[in-house]
């Protein structure tokens, strides 16, 4: 097998992110956003994830109880929010705040899952959303 170096133009496209469908803010109004995959290790390295949240991050990513301290729900959600905030390119968190919106729980979880698994991880949210809409409309 003869491997070739990835074209820098292809990498630029990856850096720009992709437009995906996220759970809606309101029924009937889709929420499509430009997102990018982010790395927890890079966010820790850059100081974006504060030291006090490292145990929560360890638990989220490795699925094991931290040996350092007890992790509470606030710490877990703080890590998930940081990941979601950094994944969301357009509209940004600031754009949403400027019009009086905050990400919903479902959107935060979807963005967090996207950072870890990519678009395939969002399929479960779409299926759940469609099932919920079907039940509401009956």
N, C-alpha and C. Protein backbone atom coordinates (compact mmCIF):
# COMPACT_ATOMS: atom_id res chain seq x y z
N UNK A 1 0.84 -1.17 0.00
CA UNK A 1 0.00 0.00 0.00
C UNK A 1 0.89 1.24 0.00
N UNK A 2 0.62 2.12 -0.93
CA UNK A 2 1.41 3.34 -1.07
C UNK A 2 0.61 4.52 -0.52
N UNK A 3 0.97 4.98 0.66
CA UNK A 3 0.26 6.09 1.30
C UNK A 3 0.75 7.41 0.75
N UNK A 4 -0.20 8.35 0.61
CA UNK A 4 0.15 9.70 0.15
C UNK A 4 -0.21 10.69 1.25
N UNK A 5 0.54 11.76 1.29
CA UNK A 5 0.28 12.82 2.25
C UNK A 5 -1.07 13.46 1.95
N UNK A 6 -1.83 13.72 2.99
CA UNK A 6 -3.14 14.36 2.82
C UNK A 6 -2.95 15.77 2.30
N UNK A 7 -3.75 16.13 1.32
CA UNK A 7 -3.70 17.45 0.71
C UNK A 7 -4.08 18.51 1.75
N UNK A 8 -3.31 19.60 1.81
CA UNK A 8 -3.56 20.65 2.80
C UNK A 8 -4.92 21.30 2.58
N UNK A 9 -5.40 21.34 1.35
CA UNK A 9 -6.73 21.90 1.07
C UNK A 9 -7.82 21.06 1.73
N UNK A 10 -7.64 19.75 1.74
CA UNK A 10 -8.60 18.87 2.41
C UNK A 10 -8.59 19.13 3.92
N UNK A 11 -7.41 19.38 4.46
CA UNK A 11 -7.30 19.66 5.89
C UNK A 11 -7.92 21.01 6.23
N UNK A 12 -7.80 21.98 5.32
CA UNK A 12 -8.45 23.28 5.54
C UNK A 12 -9.96 23.12 5.65
N UNK A 13 -10.52 22.24 4.82
CA UNK A 13 -11.96 21.99 4.86
C UNK A 13 -12.36 21.41 6.22
N UNK A 14 -11.55 20.51 6.73
CA UNK A 14 -11.82 19.93 8.04
C UNK A 14 -11.80 21.02 9.11
N UNK A 15 -10.83 21.92 9.01
CA UNK A 15 -10.68 22.99 10.00
C UNK A 15 -11.87 23.94 10.01
N UNK A 16 -12.55 24.07 8.88
CA UNK A 16 -13.71 24.97 8.80
C UNK A 16 -14.93 24.37 9.48
N UNK A 17 -14.91 23.09 9.72
CA UNK A 17 -16.04 22.43 10.36
C UNK A 17 -17.07 21.99 9.33
N UNK A 18 -18.20 21.53 9.84
CA UNK A 18 -19.27 21.08 8.96
C UNK A 18 -20.61 21.51 9.54
N UNK A 19 -21.60 21.62 8.67
CA UNK A 19 -22.93 22.01 9.11
C UNK A 19 -23.72 20.74 9.43
N UNK A 20 -24.25 20.71 10.64
CA UNK A 20 -25.02 19.56 11.10
C UNK A 20 -26.36 20.03 11.67
N UNK A 21 -27.28 19.10 11.79
CA UNK A 21 -28.56 19.40 12.41
C UNK A 21 -28.50 19.00 13.88
N UNK A 22 -28.83 19.95 14.74
CA UNK A 22 -28.86 19.72 16.18
C UNK A 22 -30.31 19.70 16.65
N UNK A 23 -30.56 19.20 17.86
CA UNK A 23 -31.92 19.26 18.39
C UNK A 23 -32.46 20.70 18.35
N UNK A 24 -33.74 20.82 18.09
CA UNK A 24 -34.36 22.13 17.88
C UNK A 24 -34.52 22.92 19.18
N UNK A 25 -34.55 24.26 19.03
CA UNK A 25 -34.94 25.13 20.14
C UNK A 25 -36.45 25.10 20.30
N UNK A 26 -37.14 25.11 19.15
CA UNK A 26 -38.60 25.09 19.15
C UNK A 26 -39.07 24.18 18.03
N UNK A 27 -40.21 23.54 18.25
CA UNK A 27 -40.74 22.62 17.26
C UNK A 27 -40.99 23.34 15.94
N UNK A 28 -40.54 22.73 14.87
CA UNK A 28 -40.75 23.28 13.54
C UNK A 28 -39.68 24.24 13.08
N UNK A 29 -38.73 24.58 13.96
CA UNK A 29 -37.63 25.47 13.58
C UNK A 29 -36.34 24.68 13.71
N UNK A 30 -35.80 24.20 12.59
CA UNK A 30 -34.57 23.41 12.67
C UNK A 30 -33.40 24.25 13.19
N UNK A 31 -32.47 23.59 13.85
CA UNK A 31 -31.26 24.26 14.31
C UNK A 31 -30.08 23.59 13.64
N UNK A 32 -29.64 24.20 12.55
CA UNK A 32 -28.47 23.73 11.82
C UNK A 32 -27.32 24.65 12.18
N UNK A 33 -26.18 24.08 12.50
CA UNK A 33 -25.04 24.88 12.95
C UNK A 33 -23.75 24.34 12.36
N UNK A 34 -22.78 25.24 12.21
CA UNK A 34 -21.44 24.83 11.80
C UNK A 34 -20.68 24.45 13.07
N UNK A 35 -20.14 23.26 13.06
CA UNK A 35 -19.43 22.75 14.23
C UNK A 35 -18.10 22.15 13.81
N UNK A 36 -17.23 22.00 14.79
CA UNK A 36 -15.96 21.31 14.54
C UNK A 36 -15.67 20.39 15.70
N UNK A 37 -14.95 19.34 15.42
CA UNK A 37 -14.54 18.42 16.48
C UNK A 37 -13.43 19.09 17.28
N UNK A 38 -13.53 19.01 18.57
CA UNK A 38 -12.50 19.59 19.43
C UNK A 38 -11.90 18.50 20.30
N UNK A 39 -10.71 18.77 20.77
CA UNK A 39 -9.96 17.79 21.55
C UNK A 39 -9.89 18.23 23.01
N UNK A 40 -10.31 17.36 23.90
CA UNK A 40 -10.20 17.66 25.32
C UNK A 40 -8.74 17.89 25.71
N UNK A 41 -7.85 17.07 25.19
CA UNK A 41 -6.43 17.21 25.54
C UNK A 41 -5.91 18.58 25.13
N UNK A 42 -6.30 19.06 23.95
CA UNK A 42 -5.87 20.39 23.52
C UNK A 42 -6.49 21.49 24.39
N UNK A 43 -7.75 21.31 24.78
CA UNK A 43 -8.39 22.31 25.64
C UNK A 43 -7.74 22.35 27.01
N UNK A 44 -7.35 21.20 27.53
CA UNK A 44 -6.63 21.15 28.81
C UNK A 44 -5.27 21.82 28.66
N UNK A 45 -4.58 21.47 27.58
CA UNK A 45 -3.24 22.03 27.33
C UNK A 45 -3.28 23.55 27.23
N UNK A 46 -4.34 24.09 26.62
CA UNK A 46 -4.47 25.54 26.43
C UNK A 46 -5.04 26.24 27.66
N UNK A 47 -5.40 25.47 28.68
CA UNK A 47 -5.95 26.06 29.89
C UNK A 47 -7.43 26.40 29.80
N UNK A 48 -8.11 25.94 28.76
CA UNK A 48 -9.55 26.20 28.61
C UNK A 48 -10.34 25.40 29.63
N UNK A 49 -9.91 24.18 29.89
CA UNK A 49 -10.53 23.35 30.93
C UNK A 49 -9.71 23.57 32.20
N UNK A 50 -10.31 24.20 33.21
CA UNK A 50 -9.55 24.48 34.44
C UNK A 50 -9.20 23.21 35.21
N UNK A 51 -8.14 23.29 35.98
CA UNK A 51 -7.66 22.14 36.75
C UNK A 51 -8.75 21.52 37.62
N UNK A 52 -9.63 22.35 38.19
CA UNK A 52 -10.66 21.82 39.09
C UNK A 52 -11.64 20.90 38.36
N UNK A 53 -11.66 20.95 37.02
CA UNK A 53 -12.57 20.10 36.25
C UNK A 53 -11.89 18.88 35.64
N UNK A 54 -10.61 18.71 35.89
CA UNK A 54 -9.88 17.60 35.27
C UNK A 54 -10.40 16.23 35.72
N UNK A 55 -10.79 16.11 36.97
CA UNK A 55 -11.34 14.83 37.44
C UNK A 55 -12.65 14.51 36.73
N UNK A 56 -13.48 15.53 36.54
CA UNK A 56 -14.75 15.34 35.83
C UNK A 56 -14.48 14.95 34.38
N UNK A 57 -13.50 15.59 33.77
CA UNK A 57 -13.15 15.27 32.39
C UNK A 57 -12.66 13.83 32.29
N UNK A 58 -11.85 13.41 33.24
CA UNK A 58 -11.35 12.04 33.26
C UNK A 58 -12.51 11.05 33.33
N UNK A 59 -13.48 11.34 34.18
CA UNK A 59 -14.63 10.45 34.32
C UNK A 59 -15.46 10.40 33.04
N UNK A 60 -15.68 11.56 32.44
CA UNK A 60 -16.48 11.60 31.21
C UNK A 60 -15.82 10.84 30.07
N UNK A 61 -14.52 10.99 29.94
CA UNK A 61 -13.84 10.43 28.79
C UNK A 61 -13.38 9.00 28.97
N UNK A 62 -13.09 8.64 30.19
CA UNK A 62 -12.57 7.29 30.39
C UNK A 62 -13.55 6.40 31.13
N UNK A 63 -14.69 6.97 31.55
CA UNK A 63 -15.75 6.19 32.15
C UNK A 63 -15.39 5.57 33.49
N UNK A 64 -14.39 6.11 34.15
CA UNK A 64 -14.02 5.53 35.43
C UNK A 64 -14.12 6.58 36.53
N UNK A 65 -14.38 6.13 37.70
CA UNK A 65 -14.45 7.02 38.86
C UNK A 65 -13.07 7.60 39.10
N UNK A 66 -13.01 8.90 39.26
CA UNK A 66 -11.73 9.55 39.52
C UNK A 66 -11.21 9.13 40.89
N UNK A 67 -9.93 8.85 40.94
CA UNK A 67 -9.32 8.47 42.21
C UNK A 67 -8.96 9.71 43.03
N UNK A 68 -8.99 10.87 42.38
CA UNK A 68 -8.54 12.09 43.05
C UNK A 68 -9.61 12.71 43.95
N UNK A 69 -10.84 12.76 43.47
CA UNK A 69 -11.90 13.41 44.24
C UNK A 69 -13.26 13.00 43.71
N UNK A 70 -14.28 13.26 44.49
CA UNK A 70 -15.63 13.00 44.03
C UNK A 70 -16.02 14.06 43.00
N UNK A 71 -16.63 13.62 41.93
CA UNK A 71 -17.05 14.51 40.87
C UNK A 71 -18.55 14.69 40.96
N UNK A 72 -19.00 15.94 40.96
CA UNK A 72 -20.43 16.16 41.03
C UNK A 72 -20.99 16.52 39.66
N UNK A 73 -22.31 16.59 39.59
CA UNK A 73 -22.99 16.86 38.33
C UNK A 73 -22.60 18.22 37.76
N UNK A 74 -22.38 19.19 38.62
CA UNK A 74 -21.99 20.52 38.16
C UNK A 74 -20.67 20.46 37.40
N UNK A 75 -19.71 19.74 37.93
CA UNK A 75 -18.42 19.62 37.26
C UNK A 75 -18.56 18.90 35.92
N UNK A 76 -19.35 17.84 35.90
CA UNK A 76 -19.56 17.09 34.65
C UNK A 76 -20.19 17.98 33.59
N UNK A 77 -21.22 18.73 34.00
CA UNK A 77 -21.90 19.58 33.02
C UNK A 77 -21.00 20.74 32.59
N UNK A 78 -20.15 21.22 33.48
CA UNK A 78 -19.20 22.28 33.10
C UNK A 78 -18.27 21.79 31.99
N UNK A 79 -17.77 20.58 32.12
CA UNK A 79 -16.88 20.02 31.08
C UNK A 79 -17.65 19.85 29.77
N UNK A 80 -18.86 19.32 29.86
CA UNK A 80 -19.66 19.12 28.65
C UNK A 80 -19.96 20.45 27.97
N UNK A 81 -20.24 21.48 28.77
CA UNK A 81 -20.54 22.80 28.21
C UNK A 81 -19.30 23.40 27.53
N UNK A 82 -18.15 23.25 28.16
CA UNK A 82 -16.91 23.75 27.56
C UNK A 82 -16.67 23.08 26.21
N UNK A 83 -16.88 21.78 26.16
CA UNK A 83 -16.70 21.05 24.89
C UNK A 83 -17.70 21.54 23.85
N UNK A 84 -18.97 21.69 24.25
CA UNK A 84 -20.02 22.15 23.34
C UNK A 84 -19.73 23.56 22.84
N UNK A 85 -19.33 24.43 23.76
CA UNK A 85 -19.03 25.82 23.42
C UNK A 85 -17.90 25.91 22.40
N UNK A 86 -16.90 25.08 22.55
CA UNK A 86 -15.76 25.10 21.63
C UNK A 86 -16.06 24.40 20.32
N UNK A 87 -17.03 23.51 20.31
CA UNK A 87 -17.41 22.82 19.07
C UNK A 87 -18.29 23.71 18.19
N UNK A 88 -19.08 24.57 18.80
CA UNK A 88 -20.04 25.40 18.07
C UNK A 88 -19.31 26.58 17.43
N UNK A 89 -19.30 26.60 16.09
CA UNK A 89 -18.61 27.64 15.34
C UNK A 89 -19.58 28.74 14.93
N UNK A 90 -20.68 28.33 14.29
CA UNK A 90 -21.64 29.31 13.76
C UNK A 90 -23.05 28.74 13.83
N UNK A 91 -23.94 29.36 14.55
CA UNK A 91 -23.74 30.54 15.39
C UNK A 91 -22.90 30.17 16.62
N UNK A 92 -22.21 31.15 17.15
CA UNK A 92 -21.41 30.91 18.35
C UNK A 92 -22.30 31.02 19.59
N UNK A 93 -21.76 30.63 20.72
CA UNK A 93 -22.47 30.78 21.99
C UNK A 93 -22.84 32.25 22.20
N UNK A 94 -21.92 33.15 21.86
CA UNK A 94 -22.17 34.58 22.02
C UNK A 94 -23.31 35.04 21.12
N UNK A 95 -23.37 34.50 19.88
CA UNK A 95 -24.46 34.83 18.97
C UNK A 95 -25.80 34.42 19.58
N UNK A 96 -25.85 33.23 20.14
CA UNK A 96 -27.09 32.74 20.75
C UNK A 96 -27.48 33.61 21.94
N UNK A 97 -26.50 33.94 22.79
CA UNK A 97 -26.78 34.78 23.95
C UNK A 97 -27.32 36.14 23.53
N UNK A 98 -26.79 36.67 22.43
CA UNK A 98 -27.20 38.01 21.99
C UNK A 98 -28.67 38.08 21.58
N UNK A 99 -29.26 36.93 21.27
CA UNK A 99 -30.69 36.90 20.93
C UNK A 99 -31.51 36.24 22.04
N UNK A 100 -30.90 36.07 23.21
CA UNK A 100 -31.62 35.57 24.37
C UNK A 100 -31.79 34.06 24.43
N UNK A 101 -30.92 33.31 23.75
CA UNK A 101 -31.00 31.85 23.77
C UNK A 101 -29.81 31.24 24.48
N UNK A 102 -30.06 30.12 25.12
CA UNK A 102 -29.01 29.27 25.68
C UNK A 102 -29.18 27.89 25.08
N UNK A 103 -28.10 27.16 24.96
CA UNK A 103 -28.20 25.79 24.49
C UNK A 103 -29.08 24.99 25.45
N UNK A 104 -29.89 24.12 24.89
CA UNK A 104 -30.70 23.22 25.72
C UNK A 104 -29.83 22.06 26.19
N UNK A 105 -30.32 21.32 27.16
CA UNK A 105 -29.59 20.14 27.64
C UNK A 105 -29.32 19.18 26.48
N UNK A 106 -30.35 18.96 25.69
CA UNK A 106 -30.24 18.03 24.56
C UNK A 106 -29.17 18.49 23.57
N UNK A 107 -29.10 19.79 23.32
CA UNK A 107 -28.10 20.33 22.40
C UNK A 107 -26.69 20.21 22.96
N UNK A 108 -26.54 20.46 24.26
CA UNK A 108 -25.22 20.33 24.89
C UNK A 108 -24.73 18.89 24.79
N UNK A 109 -25.60 17.94 25.09
CA UNK A 109 -25.23 16.53 25.01
C UNK A 109 -24.90 16.15 23.56
N UNK A 110 -25.70 16.63 22.61
CA UNK A 110 -25.46 16.32 21.20
C UNK A 110 -24.11 16.87 20.75
N UNK A 111 -23.80 18.10 21.13
CA UNK A 111 -22.51 18.69 20.75
C UNK A 111 -21.36 17.96 21.42
N UNK A 112 -21.52 17.61 22.69
CA UNK A 112 -20.48 16.85 23.38
C UNK A 112 -20.25 15.52 22.66
N UNK A 113 -21.33 14.82 22.35
CA UNK A 113 -21.21 13.53 21.65
C UNK A 113 -20.57 13.71 20.29
N UNK A 114 -20.90 14.78 19.60
CA UNK A 114 -20.29 15.06 18.29
C UNK A 114 -18.77 15.22 18.44
N UNK A 115 -18.33 15.90 19.49
CA UNK A 115 -16.88 16.09 19.66
C UNK A 115 -16.16 14.77 19.80
N UNK A 116 -16.87 13.76 20.31
CA UNK A 116 -16.24 12.47 20.54
C UNK A 116 -16.41 11.49 19.39
N UNK A 117 -17.57 11.52 18.75
CA UNK A 117 -17.89 10.48 17.77
C UNK A 117 -18.14 10.98 16.36
N UNK A 118 -18.35 12.28 16.20
CA UNK A 118 -18.68 12.80 14.87
C UNK A 118 -20.17 12.74 14.60
N UNK A 119 -20.54 12.91 13.34
CA UNK A 119 -21.93 13.02 12.93
C UNK A 119 -22.73 11.76 13.24
N UNK A 120 -22.12 10.59 13.13
CA UNK A 120 -22.87 9.35 13.36
C UNK A 120 -23.51 9.31 14.74
N UNK A 121 -22.89 9.95 15.71
CA UNK A 121 -23.42 9.96 17.08
C UNK A 121 -24.72 10.76 17.18
N UNK A 122 -24.96 11.67 16.24
CA UNK A 122 -26.16 12.50 16.30
C UNK A 122 -27.39 11.78 15.78
N UNK A 123 -27.22 10.67 15.10
CA UNK A 123 -28.37 9.93 14.56
C UNK A 123 -29.37 9.56 15.64
N UNK A 124 -28.88 9.18 16.81
CA UNK A 124 -29.80 8.78 17.88
C UNK A 124 -30.66 9.96 18.32
N UNK A 125 -30.11 11.18 18.31
CA UNK A 125 -30.90 12.35 18.68
C UNK A 125 -31.96 12.63 17.63
N UNK A 126 -31.61 12.47 16.36
CA UNK A 126 -32.59 12.70 15.30
C UNK A 126 -33.73 11.71 15.40
N UNK A 127 -33.40 10.44 15.65
CA UNK A 127 -34.44 9.42 15.77
C UNK A 127 -35.34 9.71 16.96
N UNK A 128 -34.76 10.07 18.11
CA UNK A 128 -35.56 10.37 19.29
C UNK A 128 -36.44 11.58 19.04
N UNK A 129 -35.89 12.60 18.37
CA UNK A 129 -36.64 13.81 18.08
C UNK A 129 -37.81 13.51 17.17
N UNK A 130 -37.59 12.71 16.14
CA UNK A 130 -38.66 12.34 15.21
C UNK A 130 -39.74 11.55 15.94
N UNK A 131 -39.34 10.63 16.81
CA UNK A 131 -40.31 9.85 17.57
C UNK A 131 -41.12 10.74 18.50
N UNK A 132 -40.47 11.70 19.13
CA UNK A 132 -41.16 12.62 20.02
C UNK A 132 -42.16 13.46 19.24
N UNK A 133 -41.75 13.96 18.07
CA UNK A 133 -42.64 14.77 17.24
C UNK A 133 -43.84 13.95 16.79
N UNK A 134 -43.62 12.69 16.44
CA UNK A 134 -44.73 11.83 16.01
C UNK A 134 -45.73 11.64 17.15
N UNK A 135 -45.22 11.46 18.36
CA UNK A 135 -46.10 11.27 19.51
C UNK A 135 -46.86 12.54 19.85
N UNK A 136 -46.22 13.69 19.67
CA UNK A 136 -46.87 14.97 19.96
C UNK A 136 -47.98 15.23 18.95
N UNK A 137 -47.73 14.90 17.70
CA UNK A 137 -48.68 15.20 16.64
C UNK A 137 -49.87 14.25 16.60
N UNK A 138 -49.83 13.17 17.37
CA UNK A 138 -50.94 12.19 17.36
C UNK A 138 -52.11 12.68 18.18
